[in-house]
C-alpha atoms as a PDB file:
ATOM      1  CA  MET A   1      15.036  34.403  -9.753  1.00  0.00           C
ATOM      2  CA  ILE A   2      11.704  33.099 -11.055  1.00  0.00           C
ATOM      3  CA  ILE A   3      12.782  29.463 -10.703  1.00  0.00           C
ATOM      4  CA  GLN A   4      13.894  30.096  -7.119  1.00  0.00           C
ATOM      5  CA  SER A   5      10.514  31.682  -6.380  1.00  0.00           C
ATOM      6  CA  ILE A   6       8.696  28.677  -7.818  1.00  0.00           C
ATOM      7  CA  PHE A   7      10.753  26.277  -5.705  1.00  0.00           C
ATOM      8  CA  ALA A   8      10.197  28.427  -2.618  1.00  0.00           C
ATOM      9  CA  LEU A   9       6.425  28.443  -3.196  1.00  0.00           C
ATOM     10  CA  LEU A  10       6.435  24.689  -3.784  1.00  0.00           C
ATOM     11  CA  PHE A  11       8.373  24.161  -0.565  1.00  0.00           C
ATOM     12  CA  LEU A  12       5.919  26.366   1.366  1.00  0.00           C
ATOM     13  CA  ALA A  13       2.952  24.480  -0.098  1.00  0.00           C
ATOM     14  CA  ILE A  14       4.448  21.114   0.896  1.00  0.00           C
ATOM     15  CA  LEU A  15       5.189  22.476   4.354  1.00  0.00           C
ATOM     16  CA  ALA A  16       1.610  23.762   4.751  1.00  0.00           C
ATOM     17  CA  ILE A  17       0.131  20.406   3.670  1.00  0.00           C
ATOM     18  CA  ASN A  18       2.243  18.512   6.184  1.00  0.00           C
ATOM     19  CA  VAL A  19       1.597  20.987   8.997  1.00  0.00           C
ATOM     20  CA  LEU A  20      -2.155  20.583   8.464  1.00  0.00           C
ATOM     21  CA  SER A  21      -1.774  16.792   8.499  1.00  0.00           C
ATOM     22  CA  MET A  22       0.175  17.019  11.745  1.00  0.00           C
ATOM     23  CA  VAL A  23      -2.586  19.187  13.221  1.00  0.00           C
ATOM     24  CA  VAL A  24      -5.112  16.466  12.301  1.00  0.00           C
ATOM     25  CA  TRP A  25      -2.900  13.800  13.924  1.00  0.00           C
ATOM     26  CA  LEU A  26      -2.348  15.791  17.127  1.00  0.00           C
ATOM     27  CA  TRP A  27      -6.003  16.788  17.397  1.00  0.00           C
ATOM     28  CA  LEU A  28      -7.082  13.147  17.046  1.00  0.00           C
ATOM     29  CA  HIS A  29      -4.475  12.080  19.601  1.00  0.00           C
ATOM     30  CA  ARG A  30      -5.808  14.634  22.073  1.00  0.00           C
ATOM     31  CA  LEU A  31      -9.381  13.437  21.445  1.00  0.00           C
ATOM     32  CA  VAL A  32      -8.323   9.832  22.093  1.00  0.00           C
ATOM     33  CA  LEU A  33      -6.580  10.791  25.327  1.00  0.00           C
ATOM     34  CA  THR A  34      -9.563  12.799  26.578  1.00  0.00           C
ATOM     35  CA  SER A  35     -12.082  10.089  25.673  1.00  0.00           C
ATOM     36  CA  ALA A  36     -10.268   7.478  27.769  1.00  0.00           C
ATOM     37  CA  GLU A  37      -8.094   8.834  30.550  1.00  0.00           C
ATOM     38  CA  THR A  38      -6.639   5.464  31.504  1.00  0.00           C
ATOM     39  CA  VAL A  39      -5.150   4.468  28.138  1.00  0.00           C
ATOM     40  CA  SER A  40      -1.394   4.271  27.807  1.00  0.00           C
ATOM     41  CA  ALA A  41       0.568   6.348  25.322  1.00  0.00           C
ATOM     42  CA  LYS A  42       1.144   3.326  23.081  1.00  0.00           C
ATOM     43  CA  THR A  43      -2.543   2.391  23.049  1.00  0.00           C
ATOM     44  CA  ALA A  44      -3.518   5.992  22.338  1.00  0.00           C
ATOM     45  CA  ARG A  45      -1.071   6.031  19.422  1.00  0.00           C
ATOM     46  CA  ILE A  46      -2.661   2.858  17.996  1.00  0.00           C
ATOM     47  CA  TYR A  47      -6.164   4.327  18.229  1.00  0.00           C
ATOM     48  CA  THR A  48      -4.951   7.606  16.754  1.00  0.00           C
ATOM     49  CA  SER A  49      -3.253   5.747  13.897  1.00  0.00           C
ATOM     50  CA  TYR A  50      -6.453   3.887  13.087  1.00  0.00           C
ATOM     51  CA  LEU A  51      -8.600   7.024  13.191  1.00  0.00           C
ATOM     52  CA  PHE A  52      -6.040   9.045  11.225  1.00  0.00           C
ATOM     53  CA  GLY A  53      -5.775   6.306   8.602  1.00  0.00           C
ATOM     54  CA  SER A  54      -9.525   6.069   8.206  1.00  0.00           C
ATOM     55  CA  LEU A  55      -9.827   9.855   7.844  1.00  0.00           C
ATOM     56  CA  MET A  56      -6.924  10.203   5.432  1.00  0.00           C
ATOM     57  CA  LYS A  57      -8.077   7.365   3.169  1.00  0.00           C
ATOM     58  CA  GLY A  58      -8.061   8.877  -0.288  1.00  0.00           C
ATOM     59  CA  ARG A  59      -6.219   9.157  -3.551  1.00  0.00           C
ATOM     60  CA  PHE A  60      -2.700   8.924  -2.107  1.00  0.00           C
ATOM     61  CA  ASN A  61      -3.377   6.889   1.046  1.00  0.00           C
ATOM     62  CA  ASN A  62      -5.562   3.862   0.317  1.00  0.00           C
ATOM     63  CA  SER A  63      -5.988   2.184   3.679  1.00  0.00           C
ATOM     64  CA  PRO A  64      -5.887   2.821   7.412  1.00  0.00           C
ATOM     65  CA  SER A  65      -2.322   2.794   8.646  1.00  0.00           C
ATOM     66  CA  VAL A  66      -2.899   0.218  11.374  1.00  0.00           C
ATOM     67  CA  ALA A  67      -3.795  -3.410  10.805  1.00  0.00           C
ATOM     68  CA  THR A  68      -6.827  -4.094  12.952  1.00  0.00           C
ATOM     69  CA  ALA A  69      -8.515  -7.234  14.164  1.00  0.00           C
ATOM     70  CA  GLY A  70     -12.210  -7.446  14.759  1.00  0.00           C
ATOM     71  CA  ILE A  71     -14.508  -4.485  14.232  1.00  0.00           C
ATOM     72  CA  PRO A  72     -12.737  -1.367  15.528  1.00  0.00           C
ATOM     73  CA  ASP A  73     -15.715   0.876  14.761  1.00  0.00           C
ATOM     74  CA  ARG A  74     -17.606  -0.797  17.627  1.00  0.00           C
ATOM     75  CA  ASP A  75     -14.850   0.002  20.112  1.00  0.00           C
ATOM     76  CA  ARG A  76     -15.875   2.367  22.900  1.00  0.00           C
ATOM     77  CA  ILE A  77     -12.927   4.731  22.435  1.00  0.00           C
ATOM     78  CA  VAL A  78     -13.456   4.982  18.667  1.00  0.00           C
ATOM     79  CA  GLN A  79     -17.162   5.650  19.209  1.00  0.00           C
ATOM     80  CA  ASN A  80     -16.414   8.289  21.861  1.00  0.00           C
ATOM     81  CA  VAL A  81     -13.960  10.091  19.594  1.00  0.00           C
ATOM     82  CA  ARG A  82     -16.281   9.996  16.592  1.00  0.00           C
ATOM     83  CA  SER A  83     -19.231  11.230  18.645  1.00  0.00           C
ATOM     84  CA  SER A  84     -17.298  14.118  20.192  1.00  0.00           C
ATOM     85  CA  SER A  85     -18.206  17.660  19.220  1.00  0.00           C
ATOM     86  CA  GLN A  86     -14.730  18.341  17.795  1.00  0.00           C
ATOM     87  CA  TYR A  87     -14.557  15.313  15.486  1.00  0.00           C
ATOM     88  CA  PRO A  88     -16.458  16.956  12.578  1.00  0.00           C
ATOM     89  CA  TYR A  89     -13.877  19.752  12.546  1.00  0.00           C
ATOM     90  CA  VAL A  90     -11.033  17.220  12.458  1.00  0.00           C
ATOM     91  CA  ALA A  91     -12.773  15.281   9.672  1.00  0.00           C
ATOM     92  CA  ASN A  92     -13.297  18.491   7.709  1.00  0.00           C
ATOM     93  CA  LEU A  93      -9.627  19.452   8.037  1.00  0.00           C
ATOM     94  CA  ALA A  94      -8.576  15.926   7.027  1.00  0.00           C
ATOM     95  CA  GLY A  95     -10.868  16.161   4.015  1.00  0.00           C
ATOM     96  CA  ILE A  96      -8.982  19.240   2.867  1.00  0.00           C
ATOM     97  CA  VAL A  97      -5.512  17.692   2.978  1.00  0.00           C
ATOM     98  CA  LYS A  98      -6.110  13.992   2.290  1.00  0.00           C
ATOM     99  CA  ASN A  99      -6.120  14.240  -1.509  1.00  0.00           C
ATOM    100  CA  LEU A 100      -3.223  16.653  -1.808  1.00  0.00           C
ATOM    101  CA  PRO A 101       0.132  15.364  -3.061  1.00  0.00           C
ATOM    102  CA  PHE A 102       3.291  15.437  -0.939  1.00  0.00           C
ATOM    103  CA  ASN A 103       1.416  14.561   2.250  1.00  0.00           C
ATOM    104  CA  LEU A 104       4.316  12.866   3.995  1.00  0.00           C
ATOM    105  CA  VAL A 105       2.792  12.711   7.484  1.00  0.00           C
ATOM    106  CA  SER A 106       0.474   9.830   6.617  1.00  0.00           C
ATOM    107  CA  SER A 107       3.487   7.872   5.336  1.00  0.00           C
ATOM    108  CA  ILE A 108       5.786   8.652   8.260  1.00  0.00           C
ATOM    109  CA  LEU A 109       3.489   8.162  11.237  1.00  0.00           C
ATOM    110  CA  PRO A 110       2.607   4.587  12.230  1.00  0.00           C
END
């Protein structure tokens, strides 16, 4: 009974970590889409991947998940997202989950 409880709590902790990571991803994706209305879904996913990778850079995820050319921090969309009023909340939430183990979202998403 105790071992089953431990495994259940471990499963719930892993689930909570990954749900919070998904919230960060979706929130960033929404910020990208609202900062540039004319971007396609594929382009928005690339920008979101870069921003998500740069936020989740930590002990278990060492680099942004998208290979970039040039200086992406000077890009208008990246600057708009980072200067938005909601970005500090996203960065704070990412700071909570980025160094936790079993964060599978950063490995699964492109």
